[in-house]
């Protein structure tokens, strides 16, 4: 088994990207995971991906900030975020998908949007178990595993969020 460790940018927002990559590399991390808000500038994304290539550290983009309670707007924002990521190389995407108050069908359509993205890009989207998201509790999440053929065949597309930060 080959285990790789990714340093989350979360908690180190005060550290510039130029300083963050060498610190993470020196600490022994293999790559970087970072949350990308929907309004993150494309120019900054280009800079981050260029630094990742320079330091030979792959990236895991994380979707987290679709806070919109209106389902239609939420869906559009989620799909727009996936489109924003399309041009960038990533080993996977960690997604805090959906809402605990959306219907099964609504959350399922968000999962389908992620499946479509994966089919188009070859980048797997992992749905992180997280409070307030569709996967907020095991007894609810079970329904997605038993009724969604994608999860039945690809249970690995679920992600438990474990993050360890650099402290310096």
Foldseek 3Di string as FASTA:
>chain_A
DDDFAAAECPPVPVDDLVRVLVVCVVVPHQAYEYEDDLPRDLVVVVVNLVVCVVSVHAYAYEYDPLPDPPLVVSLVSLLSSLVSCQVGDHQAYEYQFAFCPDDPVSSVVSVVSQVVSCVVRVHQYAHEADPGGQNVDPVRVVVCCVPPVCCVVCVVSYDYDDHDHDDD
